[in-house]
PDB file of N, CA and C in Angstrom:
ATOM      1  N   GLU A   1       0.703  -1.600  -0.684  1.00  0.00           N
ATOM      2  CA  GLU A   1      -0.358   0.205  -0.224  1.00  0.00           C
ATOM      3  C   GLU A   1       0.377   1.394   0.250  1.00  0.00           C
ATOM      4  N   PRO A   2       2.411   1.110   0.550  1.00  0.00           N
ATOM      5  CA  PRO A   2       2.991   2.479   0.795  1.00  0.00           C
ATOM      6  C   PRO A   2       3.566   2.746  -0.347  1.00  0.00           C
ATOM      7  N   TRP A   3       2.672   1.634  -2.182  1.00  0.00           N
ATOM      8  CA  TRP A   3       3.585   1.678  -3.370  1.00  0.00           C
ATOM      9  C   TRP A   3       2.713   2.857  -3.959  1.00  0.00           C
ATOM     10  N   GLY A   4       1.393   2.270  -3.429  1.00  0.00           N
ATOM     11  CA  GLY A   4      -0.325   3.151  -4.407  1.00  0.00           C
ATOM     12  C   GLY A   4       0.333   1.718  -5.487  1.00  0.00           C
ATOM     13  N   LEU A   5      -0.418   0.804  -4.858  1.00  0.00           N
ATOM     14  CA  LEU A   5       0.005  -0.966  -5.461  1.00  0.00           C
ATOM     15  C   LEU A   5      -0.936  -1.527  -4.977  1.00  0.00           C
ATOM     16  N   GLN A   6      -2.186  -1.611  -5.686  1.00  0.00           N
ATOM     17  CA  GLN A   6      -3.710  -3.209  -5.314  1.00  0.00           C
ATOM     18  C   GLN A   6      -2.847  -4.392  -5.944  1.00  0.00           C
ATOM     19  N   LEU A   7      -3.208  -5.031  -4.770  1.00  0.00           N
ATOM     20  CA  LEU A   7      -3.045  -6.515  -5.538  1.00  0.00           C
ATOM     21  C   LEU A   7      -4.241  -7.701  -5.687  1.00  0.00           C
ATOM     22  N   ALA A   8      -4.246  -8.395  -6.162  1.00  0.00           N
ATOM     23  CA  ALA A   8      -5.519  -8.953  -6.571  1.00  0.00           C
ATOM     24  C   ALA A   8      -5.399 -10.671  -6.567  1.00  0.00           C
ATOM     25  N   THR A   9      -5.851 -11.122  -5.884  1.00  0.00           N
ATOM     26  CA  THR A   9      -4.928 -13.060  -5.837  1.00  0.00           C
ATOM     27  C   THR A   9      -6.654 -13.669  -6.830  1.00  0.00           C
ATOM     28  N   LEU A  10      -5.296 -14.765  -6.877  1.00  0.00           N
ATOM     29  CA  LEU A  10      -6.324 -15.739  -7.242  1.00  0.00           C
ATOM     30  C   LEU A  10      -6.049 -17.149  -7.228  1.00  0.00           C
ATOM     31  N   ALA A  11      -7.107 -17.748  -6.046  1.00  0.00           N
ATOM     32  CA  ALA A  11      -6.291 -19.294  -6.100  1.00  0.00           C
ATOM     33  C   ALA A  11      -6.764 -20.075  -6.922  1.00  0.00           C
ATOM     34  N   GLU A  12      -8.463 -20.072  -8.288  1.00  0.00           N
ATOM     35  CA  GLU A  12      -8.884 -21.681  -8.953  1.00  0.00           C
ATOM     36  C   GLU A  12      -8.663 -20.915 -10.122  1.00  0.00           C
ATOM     37  N   PRO A  13      -7.480 -21.747 -10.653  1.00  0.00           N
ATOM     38  CA  PRO A  13      -7.289 -21.097 -12.569  1.00  0.00           C
ATOM     39  C   PRO A  13      -8.318 -20.717 -13.023  1.00  0.00           C
ATOM     40  N   SER A  14      -9.429 -21.597 -12.998  1.00  0.00           N
ATOM     41  CA  SER A  14      -9.967 -21.391 -13.842  1.00  0.00           C
ATOM     42  C   SER A  14     -11.424 -20.671 -13.783  1.00  0.00           C
ATOM     43  N   GLN A  15     -11.360 -19.166 -12.527  1.00  0.00           N
ATOM     44  CA  GLN A  15     -11.120 -18.386 -13.016  1.00  0.00           C
ATOM     45  C   GLN A  15     -10.743 -16.894 -13.549  1.00  0.00           C
ATOM     46  N   PHE A  16      -9.773 -17.601 -14.168  1.00  0.00           N
ATOM     47  CA  PHE A  16      -8.640 -16.924 -14.795  1.00  0.00           C
ATOM     48  C   PHE A  16      -9.343 -15.848 -15.418  1.00  0.00           C
ATOM     49  N   TRP A  17      -9.980 -15.475 -16.666  1.00  0.00           N
ATOM     50  CA  TRP A  17      -9.613 -15.251 -17.467  1.00  0.00           C
ATOM     51  C   TRP A  17     -11.326 -13.082 -16.676  1.00  0.00           C
ATOM     52  N   GLN A  18     -11.761 -14.517 -15.848  1.00  0.00           N
ATOM     53  CA  GLN A  18     -13.041 -13.509 -15.427  1.00  0.00           C
ATOM     54  C   GLN A  18     -11.917 -11.861 -14.428  1.00  0.00           C
ATOM     55  N   MET A  19     -11.191 -12.520 -13.913  1.00  0.00           N
ATOM     56  CA  MET A  19     -10.183 -11.672 -12.808  1.00  0.00           C
ATOM     57  C   MET A  19      -9.959 -10.824 -13.039  1.00  0.00           C
ATOM     58  N   LEU A  20      -9.281 -11.024 -15.197  1.00  0.00           N
ATOM     59  CA  LEU A  20      -8.267 -10.252 -15.658  1.00  0.00           C
ATOM     60  C   LEU A  20      -9.210  -9.435 -16.565  1.00  0.00           C
ATOM     61  N   GLU A  21     -10.551  -9.927 -16.385  1.00  0.00           N
ATOM     62  CA  GLU A  21     -11.939  -8.360 -17.122  1.00  0.00           C
ATOM     63  C   GLU A  21     -12.129  -7.847 -15.872  1.00  0.00           C
ATOM     64  N   ASP A  22     -12.174  -7.900 -14.721  1.00  0.00           N
ATOM     65  CA  ASP A  22     -12.125  -7.635 -13.677  1.00  0.00           C
ATOM     66  C   ASP A  22     -12.310  -6.194 -13.187  1.00  0.00           C
ATOM     67  N   PHE A  23     -10.471  -6.976 -13.118  1.00  0.00           N
ATOM     68  CA  PHE A  23      -9.354  -6.056 -12.206  1.00  0.00           C
ATOM     69  C   PHE A  23      -8.578  -5.234 -12.872  1.00  0.00           C
ATOM     70  N   SER A  24      -8.300  -6.028 -14.378  1.00  0.00           N
ATOM     71  CA  SER A  24      -8.042  -5.022 -15.305  1.00  0.00           C
ATOM     72  C   SER A  24      -6.427  -4.481 -14.645  1.00  0.00           C
ATOM     73  N   PRO A  25      -5.950  -5.340 -14.734  1.00  0.00           N
ATOM     74  CA  PRO A  25      -4.147  -5.504 -14.464  1.00  0.00           C
ATOM     75  C   PRO A  25      -2.873  -4.585 -14.885  1.00  0.00           C
ATOM     76  N   ASP A  26      -2.168  -4.381 -14.520  1.00  0.00           N
ATOM     77  CA  ASP A  26      -1.162  -3.572 -15.038  1.00  0.00           C
ATOM     78  C   ASP A  26       0.027  -4.267 -15.296  1.00  0.00           C
ATOM     79  N   LEU A  27      -0.067  -5.156 -13.953  1.00  0.00           N
ATOM     80  CA  LEU A  27       1.051  -6.228 -14.281  1.00  0.00           C
ATOM     81  C   LEU A  27       0.294  -7.773 -14.312  1.00  0.00           C
ATOM     82  N   LEU A  28       0.904  -9.228 -14.071  1.00  0.00           N
ATOM     83  CA  LEU A  28       0.697  -9.945 -14.012  1.00  0.00           C
ATOM     84  C   LEU A  28       2.281 -11.377 -13.556  1.00  0.00           C
ATOM     85  N   LEU A  29       1.496 -12.246 -12.134  1.00  0.00           N
ATOM     86  CA  LEU A  29       2.962 -12.270 -11.305  1.00  0.00           C
ATOM     87  C   LEU A  29       1.957 -13.124 -11.254  1.00  0.00           C
ATOM     88  N   LEU A  30       2.836 -14.579 -12.194  1.00  0.00           N
ATOM     89  CA  LEU A  30       2.545 -16.105 -11.640  1.00  0.00           C
ATOM     90  C   LEU A  30       3.777 -16.408 -10.561  1.00  0.00           C
ATOM     91  N   ASP A  31       4.065 -17.405 -10.667  1.00  0.00           N
ATOM     92  CA  ASP A  31       3.955 -19.031 -11.136  1.00  0.00           C
ATOM     93  C   ASP A  31       4.602 -20.142 -11.151  1.00  0.00           C
ATOM     94  N   VAL A  32       5.749 -20.903 -11.300  1.00  0.00           N
ATOM     95  CA  VAL A  32       6.378 -21.470 -12.261  1.00  0.00           C
ATOM     96  C   VAL A  32       4.728 -22.877 -12.103  1.00  0.00           C
ATOM     97  N   GLN A  33       4.856 -23.296 -10.831  1.00  0.00           N
ATOM     98  CA  GLN A  33       4.528 -24.443 -10.835  1.00  0.00           C
ATOM     99  C   GLN A  33       2.385 -24.131  -9.978  1.00  0.00           C
ATOM    100  N   MET A  34       1.661 -23.483 -10.902  1.00  0.00           N
ATOM    101  CA  MET A  34       0.198 -23.430  -9.971  1.00  0.00           C
ATOM    102  C   MET A  34      -1.692 -24.626 -10.170  1.00  0.00           C
ATOM    103  N   PRO A  35      -2.522 -24.659  -9.411  1.00  0.00           N
ATOM    104  CA  PRO A  35      -2.956 -25.874 -10.157  1.00  0.00           C
ATOM    105  C   PRO A  35      -3.440 -26.106 -11.406  1.00  0.00           C
ATOM    106  N   HIS A  36      -3.359 -27.208 -12.096  1.00  0.00           N
ATOM    107  CA  HIS A  36      -4.329 -27.141 -12.868  1.00  0.00           C
ATOM    108  C   HIS A  36      -3.288 -26.469 -13.862  1.00  0.00           C
ATOM    109  N   VAL A  37      -2.771 -25.766 -14.378  1.00  0.00           N
ATOM    110  CA  VAL A  37      -1.994 -25.090 -15.871  1.00  0.00           C
ATOM    111  C   VAL A  37      -1.152 -24.671 -15.634  1.00  0.00           C
ATOM    112  N   SER A  38       0.646 -24.794 -15.912  1.00  0.00           N
ATOM    113  CA  SER A  38       1.896 -23.895 -15.630  1.00  0.00           C
ATOM    114  C   SER A  38       1.393 -22.743 -15.553  1.00  0.00           C
ATOM    115  N   GLY A  39       2.886 -22.167 -15.142  1.00  0.00           N
ATOM    116  CA  GLY A  39       2.262 -20.706 -15.439  1.00  0.00           C
ATOM    117  C   GLY A  39       3.053 -19.850 -17.116  1.00  0.00           C
ATOM    118  N   PHE A  40       3.481 -21.816 -16.968  1.00  0.00           N
ATOM    119  CA  PHE A  40       4.642 -20.805 -18.574  1.00  0.00           C
ATOM    120  C   PHE A  40       3.091 -21.243 -19.424  1.00  0.00           C
ATOM    121  N   GLU A  41       2.328 -21.806 -19.721  1.00  0.00           N
ATOM    122  CA  GLU A  41       1.152 -21.970 -20.885  1.00  0.00           C
ATOM    123  C   GLU A  41       0.268 -20.714 -20.548  1.00  0.00           C
ATOM    124  N   LEU A  42       0.114 -20.558 -18.897  1.00  0.00           N
ATOM    125  CA  LEU A  42      -0.190 -19.449 -18.204  1.00  0.00           C
ATOM    126  C   LEU A  42      -0.142 -18.286 -19.550  1.00  0.00           C
ATOM    127  N   CYS A  43       1.156 -18.329 -19.228  1.00  0.00           N
ATOM    128  CA  CYS A  43       1.187 -16.551 -19.920  1.00  0.00           C
ATOM    129  C   CYS A  43       1.831 -16.851 -21.898  1.00  0.00           C
ATOM    130  N   GLN A  44       0.802 -17.700 -22.228  1.00  0.00           N
ATOM    131  CA  GLN A  44       1.644 -18.012 -23.525  1.00  0.00           C
ATOM    132  C   GLN A  44       0.565 -17.565 -23.669  1.00  0.00           C
ATOM    133  N   ILE A  45      -0.975 -18.378 -23.307  1.00  0.00           N
ATOM    134  CA  ILE A  45      -2.398 -17.485 -23.077  1.00  0.00           C
ATOM    135  C   ILE A  45      -1.562 -16.785 -23.071  1.00  0.00           C
ATOM    136  N   VAL A  46      -1.538 -15.553 -22.331  1.00  0.00           N
ATOM    137  CA  VAL A  46      -1.421 -14.967 -22.302  1.00  0.00           C
ATOM    138  C   VAL A  46      -1.648 -13.396 -22.815  1.00  0.00           C
ATOM    139  N   ARG A  47       0.014 -14.170 -24.277  1.00  0.00           N
ATOM    140  CA  ARG A  47       1.419 -13.750 -24.817  1.00  0.00           C
ATOM    141  C   ARG A  47      -0.188 -13.667 -26.156  1.00  0.00           C
ATOM    142  N   SER A  48      -0.850 -14.839 -25.957  1.00  0.00           N
ATOM    143  CA  SER A  48      -1.537 -14.630 -28.119  1.00  0.00           C
ATOM    144  C   SER A  48      -3.024 -13.938 -28.209  1.00  0.00           C
ATOM    145  N   THR A  49      -3.604 -13.030 -26.676  1.00  0.00           N
ATOM    146  CA  THR A  49      -4.408 -12.719 -27.340  1.00  0.00           C
ATOM    147  C   THR A  49      -3.779 -11.343 -27.056  1.00  0.00           C
ATOM    148  N   LEU A  50      -5.325 -10.593 -28.500  1.00  0.00           N
ATOM    149  CA  LEU A  50      -4.784  -8.501 -28.382  1.00  0.00           C
ATOM    150  C   LEU A  50      -4.702  -8.107 -27.204  1.00  0.00           C
ATOM    151  N   ARG A  51      -6.416  -8.632 -26.282  1.00  0.00           N
ATOM    152  CA  ARG A  51      -6.306  -7.386 -25.560  1.00  0.00           C
ATOM    153  C   ARG A  51      -5.067  -7.463 -24.352  1.00  0.00           C
ATOM    154  N   TRP A  52      -4.881  -9.218 -24.462  1.00  0.00           N
ATOM    155  CA  TRP A  52      -3.596  -9.171 -22.723  1.00  0.00           C
ATOM    156  C   TRP A  52      -2.011  -8.931 -23.257  1.00  0.00           C
ATOM    157  N   GLY A  53      -2.149  -9.105 -24.445  1.00  0.00           N
ATOM    158  CA  GLY A  53      -0.687  -9.864 -25.449  1.00  0.00           C
ATOM    159  C   GLY A  53       0.671  -8.762 -24.605  1.00  0.00           C
ATOM    160  N   ASP A  54       0.780  -8.419 -24.415  1.00  0.00           N
ATOM    161  CA  ASP A  54       1.795  -7.088 -23.833  1.00  0.00           C
ATOM    162  C   ASP A  54       1.879  -6.243 -22.156  1.00  0.00           C
ATOM    163  N   LEU A  55       0.585  -7.650 -21.983  1.00  0.00           N
ATOM    164  CA  LEU A  55       0.552  -6.989 -20.470  1.00  0.00           C
ATOM    165  C   LEU A  55       2.946  -7.715 -19.840  1.00  0.00           C
ATOM    166  N   PRO A  56       2.253  -6.239 -18.763  1.00  0.00           N
ATOM    167  CA  PRO A  56       4.153  -7.623 -18.467  1.00  0.00           C
ATOM    168  C   PRO A  56       3.815  -8.318 -18.154  1.00  0.00           C
ATOM    169  N   VAL A  57       4.572  -9.808 -17.426  1.00  0.00           N
ATOM    170  CA  VAL A  57       4.511 -10.921 -16.516  1.00  0.00           C
ATOM    171  C   VAL A  57       5.708 -10.619 -15.652  1.00  0.00           C
ATOM    172  N   LEU A  58       5.908 -11.234 -14.535  1.00  0.00           N
ATOM    173  CA  LEU A  58       6.912 -11.270 -13.872  1.00  0.00           C
ATOM    174  C   LEU A  58       6.400 -12.347 -12.990  1.00  0.00           C
ATOM    175  N   PHE A  59       7.759 -13.700 -12.948  1.00  0.00           N
ATOM    176  CA  PHE A  59       7.300 -14.890 -12.950  1.00  0.00           C
ATOM    177  C   PHE A  59       8.336 -15.119 -11.142  1.00  0.00           C
ATOM    178  N   LEU A  60       7.579 -15.292 -10.751  1.00  0.00           N
ATOM    179  CA  LEU A  60       7.748 -15.193  -9.003  1.00  0.00           C
ATOM    180  C   LEU A  60       7.826 -17.041  -8.346  1.00  0.00           C
ATOM    181  N   THR A  61       8.978 -17.034  -8.462  1.00  0.00           N
ATOM    182  CA  THR A  61       8.724 -18.930  -8.672  1.00  0.00           C
ATOM    183  C   THR A  61      10.397 -18.978  -7.943  1.00  0.00           C
ATOM    184  N   MET A  62       9.911 -20.198  -6.870  1.00  0.00           N
ATOM    185  CA  MET A  62      11.186 -21.009  -6.231  1.00  0.00           C
ATOM    186  C   MET A  62      12.075 -21.808  -6.428  1.00  0.00           C
ATOM    187  N   HIS A  63      11.674 -21.554  -7.468  1.00  0.00           N
ATOM    188  CA  HIS A  63      12.096 -22.606  -9.108  1.00  0.00           C
ATOM    189  C   HIS A  63      13.216 -21.857  -9.480  1.00  0.00           C
ATOM    190  N   LEU A  64      15.052 -21.827  -9.145  1.00  0.00           N
ATOM    191  CA  LEU A  64      15.385 -21.121  -9.682  1.00  0.00           C
ATOM    192  C   LEU A  64      16.991 -21.668 -10.559  1.00  0.00           C
ATOM    193  N   ASP A  65      16.102 -22.257 -10.988  1.00  0.00           N
ATOM    194  CA  ASP A  65      17.036 -22.595 -11.623  1.00  0.00           C
ATOM    195  C   ASP A  65      18.125 -22.219 -13.084  1.00  0.00           C
ATOM    196  N   ILE A  66      18.533 -22.301 -14.563  1.00  0.00           N
ATOM    197  CA  ILE A  66      18.017 -21.702 -15.480  1.00  0.00           C
ATOM    198  C   ILE A  66      17.354 -22.297 -17.028  1.00  0.00           C
ATOM    199  N   SER A  67      17.547 -23.517 -16.576  1.00  0.00           N
ATOM    200  CA  SER A  67      16.326 -23.802 -17.742  1.00  0.00           C
ATOM    201  C   SER A  67      14.857 -23.579 -17.559  1.00  0.00           C
ATOM    202  N   LYS A  68      14.580 -23.459 -16.135  1.00  0.00           N
ATOM    203  CA  LYS A  68      13.100 -23.007 -15.264  1.00  0.00           C
ATOM    204  C   LYS A  68      13.702 -20.510 -16.111  1.00  0.00           C
ATOM    205  N   MET A  69      13.819 -20.133 -15.872  1.00  0.00           N
ATOM    206  CA  MET A  69      14.519 -19.686 -16.198  1.00  0.00           C
ATOM    207  C   MET A  69      14.047 -19.334 -17.590  1.00  0.00           C
ATOM    208  N   GLN A  70      15.678 -19.749 -18.473  1.00  0.00           N
ATOM    209  CA  GLN A  70      14.881 -19.315 -20.096  1.00  0.00           C
ATOM    210  C   GLN A  70      14.118 -20.013 -20.671  1.00  0.00           C
ATOM    211  N   GLN A  71      13.103 -21.279 -19.593  1.00  0.00           N
ATOM    212  CA  GLN A  71      11.040 -21.234 -20.433  1.00  0.00           C
ATOM    213  C   GLN A  71      10.580 -20.026 -20.037  1.00  0.00           C
ATOM    214  N   ALA A  72      10.987 -19.823 -18.798  1.00  0.00           N
ATOM    215  CA  ALA A  72      10.302 -19.081 -18.601  1.00  0.00           C
ATOM    216  C   ALA A  72       9.815 -17.037 -19.361  1.00  0.00           C
ATOM    217  N   ILE A  73      11.333 -16.728 -19.802  1.00  0.00           N
ATOM    218  CA  ILE A  73      11.837 -15.006 -20.963  1.00  0.00           C
ATOM    219  C   ILE A  73      10.477 -16.128 -22.279  1.00  0.00           C
ATOM    220  N   SER A  74      11.098 -17.352 -21.952  1.00  0.00           N
ATOM    221  CA  SER A  74      10.747 -17.261 -23.985  1.00  0.00           C
ATOM    222  C   SER A  74       9.428 -17.805 -24.047  1.00  0.00           C
ATOM    223  N   VAL A  75       8.273 -18.095 -23.667  1.00  0.00           N
ATOM    224  CA  VAL A  75       7.108 -17.764 -23.439  1.00  0.00           C
ATOM    225  C   VAL A  75       6.539 -17.028 -22.929  1.00  0.00           C
ATOM    226  N   GLY A  76       7.545 -15.360 -23.132  1.00  0.00           N
ATOM    227  CA  GLY A  76       6.967 -13.995 -22.810  1.00  0.00           C
ATOM    228  C   GLY A  76       6.823 -13.173 -21.458  1.00  0.00           C
ATOM    229  N   GLY A  77       8.059 -14.125 -20.794  1.00  0.00           N
ATOM    230  CA  GLY A  77       7.881 -13.215 -19.478  1.00  0.00           C
ATOM    231  C   GLY A  77       8.891 -12.517 -19.471  1.00  0.00           C
ATOM    232  N   ASP A  78       7.783 -10.901 -18.766  1.00  0.00           N
ATOM    233  CA  ASP A  78       9.245 -10.989 -18.603  1.00  0.00           C
ATOM    234  C   ASP A  78      10.685 -10.185 -17.673  1.00  0.00           C
ATOM    235  N   ASP A  79      10.589 -10.890 -16.326  1.00  0.00           N
ATOM    236  CA  ASP A  79      11.243 -10.890 -15.166  1.00  0.00           C
ATOM    237  C   ASP A  79      10.876 -12.187 -14.742  1.00  0.00           C
ATOM    238  N   TYR A  80      11.388 -12.832 -14.438  1.00  0.00           N
ATOM    239  CA  TYR A  80      12.016 -14.084 -13.307  1.00  0.00           C
ATOM    240  C   TYR A  80      12.584 -13.633 -11.692  1.00  0.00           C
ATOM    241  N   VAL A  81      11.036 -13.549 -11.373  1.00  0.00           N
ATOM    242  CA  VAL A  81      12.280 -13.300  -9.366  1.00  0.00           C
ATOM    243  C   VAL A  81      12.334 -14.479  -8.128  1.00  0.00           C
ATOM    244  N   SER A  82      12.911 -14.729  -7.632  1.00  0.00           N
ATOM    245  CA  SER A  82      12.750 -16.129  -6.623  1.00  0.00           C
ATOM    246  C   SER A  82      11.384 -15.276  -4.956  1.00  0.00           C
ATOM    247  N   LYS A  83      11.176 -16.500  -4.955  1.00  0.00           N
ATOM    248  CA  LYS A  83      10.148 -15.934  -3.609  1.00  0.00           C
ATOM    249  C   LYS A  83      11.312 -15.762  -2.446  1.00  0.00           C
ATOM    250  N   ALA A  84      12.259 -15.800  -2.341  1.00  0.00           N
ATOM    251  CA  ALA A  84      13.048 -15.366  -2.014  1.00  0.00           C
ATOM    252  C   ALA A  84      13.832 -14.178  -0.909  1.00  0.00           C
ATOM    253  N   ILE A  85      13.893 -13.068  -3.126  1.00  0.00           N
ATOM    254  CA  ILE A  85      13.341 -11.975  -2.952  1.00  0.00           C
ATOM    255  C   ILE A  85      12.712 -11.397  -1.828  1.00  0.00           C
ATOM    256  N   GLY A  86      12.992 -10.230  -1.111  1.00  0.00           N
ATOM    257  CA  GLY A  86      12.038  -9.432  -0.438  1.00  0.00           C
ATOM    258  C   GLY A  86      11.191  -8.469  -0.725  1.00  0.00           C
ATOM    259  N   ALA A  87      10.578  -7.750   0.753  1.00  0.00           N
ATOM    260  CA  ALA A  87       9.438  -7.807  -0.334  1.00  0.00           C
ATOM    261  C   ALA A  87       9.659  -6.029  -1.231  1.00  0.00           C
ATOM    262  N   LYS A  88      10.826  -5.112   0.118  1.00  0.00           N
ATOM    263  CA  LYS A  88      11.147  -3.704  -0.727  1.00  0.00           C
ATOM    264  C   LYS A  88      11.715  -4.022  -2.608  1.00  0.00           C
ATOM    265  N   GLU A  89      12.960  -5.259  -2.645  1.00  0.00           N
ATOM    266  CA  GLU A  89      13.378  -5.534  -3.438  1.00  0.00           C
ATOM    267  C   GLU A  89      12.798  -5.904  -4.548  1.00  0.00           C
ATOM    268  N   LEU A  90      11.325  -6.375  -4.861  1.00  0.00           N
ATOM    269  CA  LEU A  90      10.314  -7.112  -4.818  1.00  0.00           C
ATOM    270  C   LEU A  90       9.675  -6.391  -5.600  1.00  0.00           C
ATOM    271  N   VAL A  91       9.508  -5.237  -4.566  1.00  0.00           N
ATOM    272  CA  VAL A  91       7.664  -3.898  -5.429  1.00  0.00           C
ATOM    273  C   VAL A  91       9.116  -3.281  -5.976  1.00  0.00           C
ATOM    274  N   THR A  92      10.009  -3.015  -5.589  1.00  0.00           N
ATOM    275  CA  THR A  92      11.421  -2.445  -6.761  1.00  0.00           C
ATOM    276  C   THR A  92      11.102  -3.161  -7.760  1.00  0.00           C
ATOM    277  N   CYS A  93      11.038  -3.490  -8.273  1.00  0.00           N
ATOM    278  CA  CYS A  93      11.720  -5.197  -9.164  1.00  0.00           C
ATOM    279  C   CYS A  93       9.658  -4.591  -9.856  1.00  0.00           C
ATOM    280  N   ILE A  94       8.476  -4.687  -9.182  1.00  0.00           N
ATOM    281  CA  ILE A  94       7.169  -4.246  -9.951  1.00  0.00           C
ATOM    282  C   ILE A  94       7.016  -3.352 -10.353  1.00  0.00           C
ATOM    283  N   LEU A  95       7.937  -2.046  -9.627  1.00  0.00           N
ATOM    284  CA  LEU A  95       7.482  -0.973 -10.673  1.00  0.00           C
ATOM    285  C   LEU A  95       8.724  -0.555 -11.153  1.00  0.00           C
ATOM    286  N   ASN A  96       9.744  -0.847 -11.620  1.00  0.00           N
ATOM    287  CA  ASN A  96      10.687  -0.670 -12.330  1.00  0.00           C
ATOM    288  C   ASN A  96       9.589  -1.118 -13.678  1.00  0.00           C
ATOM    289  N   ARG A  97       9.678  -2.565 -13.760  1.00  0.00           N
ATOM    290  CA  ARG A  97       8.858  -3.018 -14.992  1.00  0.00           C
ATOM    291  C   ARG A  97       7.419  -2.234 -15.950  1.00  0.00           C
ATOM    292  N   LEU A  98       6.320  -2.195 -14.291  1.00  0.00           N
ATOM    293  CA  LEU A  98       5.447  -1.305 -14.570  1.00  0.00           C
ATOM    294  C   LEU A  98       6.224   0.701 -15.369  1.00  0.00           C
ATOM    295  N   GLU A  99       6.627   0.821 -14.676  1.00  0.00           N
ATOM    296  CA  GLU A  99       7.411   2.401 -15.432  1.00  0.00           C
ATOM    297  C   GLU A  99       8.109   1.627 -17.185  1.00  0.00           C
ATOM    298  N   ARG A 100       8.893   0.973 -17.479  1.00  0.00           N
ATOM    299  CA  ARG A 100       9.099   0.202 -18.538  1.00  0.00           C
ATOM    300  C   ARG A 100       7.940  -0.360 -19.497  1.00  0.00           C
ATOM    301  N   SER A 101       7.172  -0.465 -19.190  1.00  0.00           N
ATOM    302  CA  SER A 101       5.703  -0.802 -19.933  1.00  0.00           C
ATOM    303  C   SER A 101       5.432   0.868 -20.234  1.00  0.00           C
ATOM    304  N   ARG A 102       5.229   1.687 -19.434  1.00  0.00           N
ATOM    305  CA  ARG A 102       4.231   2.683 -19.545  1.00  0.00           C
ATOM    306  C   ARG A 102       5.181   3.260 -20.701  1.00  0.00           C
ATOM    307  N   LEU A 103       6.416   3.580 -20.355  1.00  0.00           N
ATOM    308  CA  LEU A 103       7.668   4.628 -21.393  1.00  0.00           C
ATOM    309  C   LEU A 103       7.198   3.676 -23.168  1.00  0.00           C
ATOM    310  N   LEU A 104       7.618   1.565 -22.536  1.00  0.00           N
ATOM    311  CA  LEU A 104       6.931   1.258 -24.266  1.00  0.00           C
ATOM    312  C   LEU A 104       6.065   2.387 -24.266  1.00  0.00           C
ATOM    313  N   ARG A 105       4.919   1.681 -24.036  1.00  0.00           N
ATOM    314  CA  ARG A 105       3.700   2.639 -24.668  1.00  0.00           C
ATOM    315  C   ARG A 105       3.305   3.672 -25.163  1.00  0.00           C
ATOM    316  N   LEU A 106       4.813   4.619 -24.916  1.00  0.00           N
ATOM    317  CA  LEU A 106       4.514   5.354 -25.239  1.00  0.00           C
ATOM    318  C   LEU A 106       5.340   6.344 -26.015  1.00  0.00           C
ATOM    319  N   LEU A 107       6.080   5.423 -26.748  1.00  0.00           N
ATOM    320  CA  LEU A 107       6.911   5.519 -27.766  1.00  0.00           C
ATOM    321  C   LEU A 107       5.997   4.723 -28.590  1.00  0.00           C
ATOM    322  N   THR A 108       5.294   3.786 -28.348  1.00  0.00           N
ATOM    323  CA  THR A 108       4.844   3.010 -29.150  1.00  0.00           C
ATOM    324  C   THR A 108       3.687   3.706 -29.923  1.00  0.00           C
ATOM    325  N   PRO A 109       3.982   4.179 -31.063  1.00  0.00           N
ATOM    326  CA  PRO A 109       2.389   5.026 -32.077  1.00  0.00           C
ATOM    327  C   PRO A 109       0.923   3.979 -31.895  1.00  0.00           C
ATOM    328  N   THR A 110       0.471   4.679 -31.816  1.00  0.00           N
ATOM    329  CA  THR A 110      -0.913   3.634 -32.192  1.00  0.00           C
ATOM    330  C   THR A 110      -1.154   4.384 -33.676  1.00  0.00           C
ATOM    331  N   PRO A 111      -2.301   3.416 -33.985  1.00  0.00           N
ATOM    332  CA  PRO A 111      -2.378   3.343 -34.953  1.00  0.00           C
ATOM    333  C   PRO A 111      -3.350   3.895 -35.784  1.00  0.00           C
ATOM    334  N   ALA A 112      -3.446   4.546 -36.422  1.00  0.00           N
ATOM    335  CA  ALA A 112      -4.586   5.436 -37.290  1.00  0.00           C
ATOM    336  C   ALA A 112      -4.894   4.572 -37.474  1.00  0.00           C
ATOM    337  N   TYR A 113      -6.729   5.461 -37.451  1.00  0.00           N
ATOM    338  CA  TYR A 113      -8.132   4.463 -37.388  1.00  0.00           C
ATOM    339  C   TYR A 113      -8.860   4.790 -38.203  1.00  0.00           C
ATOM    340  N   GLU A 114      -9.255   5.069 -39.726  1.00  0.00           N
ATOM    341  CA  GLU A 114     -10.422   5.711 -40.198  1.00  0.00           C
ATOM    342  C   GLU A 114     -11.693   5.767 -39.396  1.00  0.00           C
TER     343      GLU A 114
END
């Protein structure tokens, strides 16, 4: 809260798309292992959608091996962070990712529609 962030969590992956529409997040935190679907699969699906394809995705996980990190990036993850990270460091990582996303939107020309 001191950083002005709101958090919505989801325990049931079947409600993912509804939560995404209702909450309309600026950033998505995923774990590698989640019930019923892997974070890798979910990231790949999110990346393939028109509306959410550019949503920043940060993997927050206890799996620290290089192959999982490479897989997270290859499916479209923007960052890969250990759950052992401190709260301030995690917030800094999130704020940096949000700022990069904001700057990218500013630098990307919007298509002209007739």
